[in-house]
């Protein structure tokens, strides 16, 4: 991940593996959600069905940095997510 220093990436590595284990094939029209819930962690859902949760604000921040960090996957998407043009 370009938005995380190596030590932070290593700190979430095992929890990232948990996220990978929750992966399901998605089809057009499917809706995935990633919601941080204090005390619970990052709740992952597909089409409204919760697949699991991963603890830690650090993990949630790392995941969100993919789209909202200083070097996001897509600058246009980042602007749209933040309410820009």
N, C-alpha and C. Protein backbone atom coordinates (compact mmCIF):
# COMPACT_ATOMS: atom_id res chain seq x y z
N UNK A 1 0.84 -1.17 0.00
CA UNK A 1 0.00 0.00 0.00
C UNK A 1 0.89 1.24 0.00
N UNK A 2 0.67 2.10 -0.94
CA UNK A 2 1.50 3.29 -1.07
C UNK A 2 1.27 4.30 0.05
N UNK A 3 0.14 4.24 0.72
CA UNK A 3 -0.20 5.23 1.72
C UNK A 3 0.23 4.88 3.14
N UNK A 4 0.90 3.75 3.30
CA UNK A 4 1.31 3.32 4.64
C UNK A 4 2.81 3.05 4.70
N UNK A 5 3.44 3.49 5.78
CA UNK A 5 4.83 3.10 5.99
C UNK A 5 4.89 1.59 6.29
N UNK A 6 6.03 1.00 6.04
CA UNK A 6 6.21 -0.45 6.19
C UNK A 6 5.78 -0.95 7.57
N UNK A 7 6.12 -0.23 8.64
CA UNK A 7 5.78 -0.71 9.98
C UNK A 7 4.28 -0.77 10.20
N UNK A 8 3.54 0.19 9.65
CA UNK A 8 2.09 0.17 9.79
C UNK A 8 1.48 -0.95 8.94
N UNK A 9 2.04 -1.17 7.78
CA UNK A 9 1.57 -2.25 6.92
C UNK A 9 1.79 -3.60 7.60
N UNK A 10 2.94 -3.77 8.21
CA UNK A 10 3.23 -5.01 8.93
C UNK A 10 2.29 -5.20 10.12
N UNK A 11 1.91 -4.09 10.77
CA UNK A 11 1.04 -4.16 11.95
C UNK A 11 -0.37 -4.65 11.59
N UNK A 12 -0.81 -4.43 10.36
CA UNK A 12 -2.16 -4.87 9.98
C UNK A 12 -2.15 -6.13 9.11
N UNK A 13 -0.99 -6.67 8.84
CA UNK A 13 -0.86 -7.79 7.91
C UNK A 13 -1.78 -8.96 8.23
N UNK A 14 -1.78 -9.43 9.46
CA UNK A 14 -2.62 -10.58 9.83
C UNK A 14 -4.10 -10.25 9.69
N UNK A 15 -4.48 -9.04 10.07
CA UNK A 15 -5.88 -8.65 9.94
C UNK A 15 -6.28 -8.51 8.48
N UNK A 16 -5.34 -8.11 7.63
CA UNK A 16 -5.61 -8.04 6.19
C UNK A 16 -5.90 -9.44 5.65
N UNK A 17 -5.21 -10.44 6.15
CA UNK A 17 -5.47 -11.82 5.74
C UNK A 17 -6.90 -12.23 6.12
N UNK A 18 -7.37 -11.75 7.26
CA UNK A 18 -8.76 -12.01 7.66
C UNK A 18 -9.71 -11.38 6.65
N UNK A 19 -9.42 -10.15 6.24
CA UNK A 19 -10.24 -9.50 5.23
C UNK A 19 -10.25 -10.32 3.94
N UNK A 20 -9.10 -10.78 3.50
CA UNK A 20 -9.02 -11.56 2.26
C UNK A 20 -9.87 -12.82 2.37
N UNK A 21 -9.93 -13.42 3.56
CA UNK A 21 -10.73 -14.64 3.73
C UNK A 21 -12.23 -14.37 3.63
N UNK A 22 -12.64 -13.13 3.80
CA UNK A 22 -14.05 -12.76 3.69
C UNK A 22 -14.46 -12.47 2.25
N UNK A 23 -13.50 -12.40 1.36
CA UNK A 23 -13.79 -12.02 -0.02
C UNK A 23 -14.81 -12.96 -0.65
N UNK A 24 -15.74 -12.41 -1.38
CA UNK A 24 -16.73 -13.16 -2.15
C UNK A 24 -16.74 -12.58 -3.55
N UNK A 25 -17.04 -13.40 -4.52
CA UNK A 25 -17.20 -12.89 -5.87
C UNK A 25 -18.35 -11.90 -5.89
N UNK A 26 -18.18 -10.83 -6.63
CA UNK A 26 -19.23 -9.83 -6.75
C UNK A 26 -19.67 -9.75 -8.20
N UNK A 27 -20.93 -9.38 -8.36
CA UNK A 27 -21.52 -9.24 -9.69
C UNK A 27 -21.98 -7.79 -9.86
N UNK A 28 -22.19 -7.37 -11.10
CA UNK A 28 -22.74 -6.03 -11.29
C UNK A 28 -24.02 -5.86 -10.46
N UNK A 29 -24.10 -4.73 -9.78
CA UNK A 29 -25.25 -4.45 -8.94
C UNK A 29 -25.04 -4.82 -7.48
N UNK A 30 -24.03 -5.65 -7.18
CA UNK A 30 -23.73 -5.97 -5.79
C UNK A 30 -23.23 -4.72 -5.08
N UNK A 31 -23.45 -4.68 -3.79
CA UNK A 31 -23.03 -3.53 -2.98
C UNK A 31 -22.20 -4.02 -1.81
N UNK A 32 -20.96 -3.55 -1.77
CA UNK A 32 -20.06 -3.88 -0.66
C UNK A 32 -19.99 -2.67 0.27
N UNK A 33 -19.89 -2.94 1.56
CA UNK A 33 -19.72 -1.82 2.50
C UNK A 33 -18.63 -2.15 3.51
N UNK A 34 -18.00 -1.08 3.94
CA UNK A 34 -16.91 -1.14 4.90
C UNK A 34 -17.24 -0.04 5.91
N UNK A 35 -17.65 -0.42 7.11
CA UNK A 35 -18.10 0.54 8.10
C UNK A 35 -17.30 0.39 9.38
N UNK A 36 -16.69 1.49 9.83
CA UNK A 36 -15.98 1.43 11.11
C UNK A 36 -16.98 1.67 12.22
N UNK A 37 -16.99 0.75 13.19
CA UNK A 37 -17.87 0.85 14.36
C UNK A 37 -16.98 0.83 15.60
N UNK A 38 -16.92 1.96 16.34
CA UNK A 38 -16.08 1.99 17.54
C UNK A 38 -16.42 0.82 18.48
N UNK A 39 -15.38 0.17 18.97
CA UNK A 39 -15.56 -0.97 19.86
C UNK A 39 -15.74 -2.29 19.13
N UNK A 40 -16.04 -2.23 17.85
CA UNK A 40 -16.23 -3.44 17.04
C UNK A 40 -15.14 -3.55 16.00
N UNK A 41 -14.89 -2.47 15.30
CA UNK A 41 -13.90 -2.45 14.23
C UNK A 41 -14.54 -2.24 12.89
N UNK A 42 -13.87 -2.70 11.86
CA UNK A 42 -14.35 -2.54 10.49
C UNK A 42 -15.32 -3.68 10.18
N UNK A 43 -16.57 -3.32 9.94
CA UNK A 43 -17.58 -4.31 9.59
C UNK A 43 -17.65 -4.38 8.07
N UNK A 44 -17.53 -5.59 7.54
CA UNK A 44 -17.54 -5.82 6.11
C UNK A 44 -18.86 -6.49 5.75
N UNK A 45 -19.55 -5.94 4.74
CA UNK A 45 -20.84 -6.53 4.34
C UNK A 45 -20.93 -6.58 2.82
N UNK A 46 -21.70 -7.54 2.34
CA UNK A 46 -22.00 -7.67 0.92
C UNK A 46 -23.50 -7.77 0.78
N UNK A 47 -24.07 -6.83 0.05
CA UNK A 47 -25.52 -6.77 -0.15
C UNK A 47 -26.29 -6.80 1.16
N UNK A 48 -25.78 -6.08 2.15
CA UNK A 48 -26.45 -5.96 3.43
C UNK A 48 -26.19 -7.10 4.40
N UNK A 49 -25.51 -8.15 3.96
CA UNK A 49 -25.20 -9.29 4.84
C UNK A 49 -23.80 -9.10 5.39
N UNK A 50 -23.69 -9.00 6.72
CA UNK A 50 -22.40 -8.81 7.35
C UNK A 50 -21.58 -10.09 7.21
N UNK A 51 -20.36 -9.92 6.67
CA UNK A 51 -19.46 -11.05 6.48
C UNK A 51 -18.52 -11.22 7.67
N UNK A 52 -18.33 -10.14 8.44
CA UNK A 52 -17.46 -10.20 9.60
C UNK A 52 -16.98 -8.82 9.97
N UNK A 53 -16.13 -8.76 10.98
CA UNK A 53 -15.57 -7.49 11.44
C UNK A 53 -14.10 -7.71 11.77
N UNK A 54 -13.33 -6.66 11.57
CA UNK A 54 -11.90 -6.70 11.84
C UNK A 54 -11.58 -5.55 12.79
N UNK A 55 -10.99 -5.88 13.93
CA UNK A 55 -10.76 -4.88 14.97
C UNK A 55 -9.65 -3.90 14.60
N UNK A 56 -9.74 -2.74 15.22
CA UNK A 56 -8.66 -1.76 15.14
C UNK A 56 -8.94 -0.57 14.25
N UNK A 57 -8.88 0.60 14.85
CA UNK A 57 -8.99 1.83 14.08
C UNK A 57 -7.84 1.94 13.09
N UNK A 58 -6.67 1.44 13.45
CA UNK A 58 -5.53 1.49 12.53
C UNK A 58 -5.81 0.71 11.25
N UNK A 59 -6.50 -0.42 11.37
CA UNK A 59 -6.86 -1.20 10.19
C UNK A 59 -7.86 -0.43 9.33
N UNK A 60 -8.87 0.14 9.96
CA UNK A 60 -9.87 0.90 9.21
C UNK A 60 -9.24 2.09 8.49
N UNK A 61 -8.37 2.80 9.19
CA UNK A 61 -7.69 3.94 8.55
C UNK A 61 -6.84 3.48 7.37
N UNK A 62 -6.17 2.35 7.52
CA UNK A 62 -5.34 1.83 6.43
C UNK A 62 -6.21 1.49 5.22
N UNK A 63 -7.34 0.84 5.47
CA UNK A 63 -8.23 0.49 4.36
C UNK A 63 -8.78 1.74 3.66
N UNK A 64 -9.21 2.70 4.44
CA UNK A 64 -9.75 3.92 3.85
C UNK A 64 -8.69 4.71 3.09
N UNK A 65 -7.43 4.56 3.49
CA UNK A 65 -6.37 5.28 2.79
C UNK A 65 -6.21 4.83 1.34
N UNK A 66 -6.71 3.63 1.03
CA UNK A 66 -6.67 3.16 -0.35
C UNK A 66 -7.40 4.14 -1.26
N UNK A 67 -8.52 4.67 -0.79
CA UNK A 67 -9.34 5.59 -1.59
C UNK A 67 -9.19 7.04 -1.18
N UNK A 68 -8.83 7.28 0.10
CA UNK A 68 -8.81 8.65 0.61
C UNK A 68 -7.43 9.15 1.03
N UNK A 69 -6.42 8.31 0.94
CA UNK A 69 -5.07 8.68 1.35
C UNK A 69 -4.41 9.65 0.38
N UNK A 70 -3.19 10.05 0.67
CA UNK A 70 -2.48 11.01 -0.18
C UNK A 70 -2.19 10.48 -1.58
N UNK A 71 -2.15 9.16 -1.74
CA UNK A 71 -1.89 8.56 -3.06
C UNK A 71 -2.97 7.51 -3.34
N UNK A 72 -4.22 7.95 -3.56
CA UNK A 72 -5.34 7.02 -3.72
C UNK A 72 -5.25 6.28 -5.05
N UNK A 73 -6.01 5.20 -5.15
CA UNK A 73 -6.07 4.45 -6.41
C UNK A 73 -6.59 5.32 -7.54
N UNK A 74 -7.49 6.25 -7.23
CA UNK A 74 -8.11 7.08 -8.26
C UNK A 74 -8.43 8.47 -7.67
N UNK A 75 -7.74 9.49 -8.15
CA UNK A 75 -7.94 10.85 -7.64
C UNK A 75 -9.36 11.35 -7.88
N UNK A 76 -9.94 11.02 -9.03
CA UNK A 76 -11.31 11.46 -9.34
C UNK A 76 -12.29 10.84 -8.36
N UNK A 77 -12.12 9.56 -8.07
CA UNK A 77 -13.00 8.90 -7.10
C UNK A 77 -12.83 9.51 -5.72
N UNK A 78 -11.60 9.82 -5.33
CA UNK A 78 -11.35 10.45 -4.03
C UNK A 78 -12.10 11.77 -3.94
N UNK A 79 -12.00 12.60 -4.97
CA UNK A 79 -12.71 13.88 -4.97
C UNK A 79 -14.22 13.67 -4.86
N UNK A 80 -14.75 12.70 -5.59
CA UNK A 80 -16.19 12.42 -5.53
C UNK A 80 -16.61 11.94 -4.14
N UNK A 81 -15.81 11.06 -3.54
CA UNK A 81 -16.13 10.56 -2.21
C UNK A 81 -16.13 11.68 -1.16
N UNK A 82 -15.28 12.68 -1.40
CA UNK A 82 -15.18 13.80 -0.47
C UNK A 82 -16.13 14.94 -0.82
N UNK A 83 -16.99 14.71 -1.81
CA UNK A 83 -17.99 15.69 -2.17
C UNK A 83 -17.50 16.75 -3.16
N UNK A 84 -16.37 16.51 -3.79
CA UNK A 84 -15.86 17.45 -4.79
C UNK A 84 -16.42 17.16 -6.15
N UNK A 85 -15.97 17.95 -7.12
CA UNK A 85 -16.42 17.75 -8.51
C UNK A 85 -15.61 16.71 -9.21
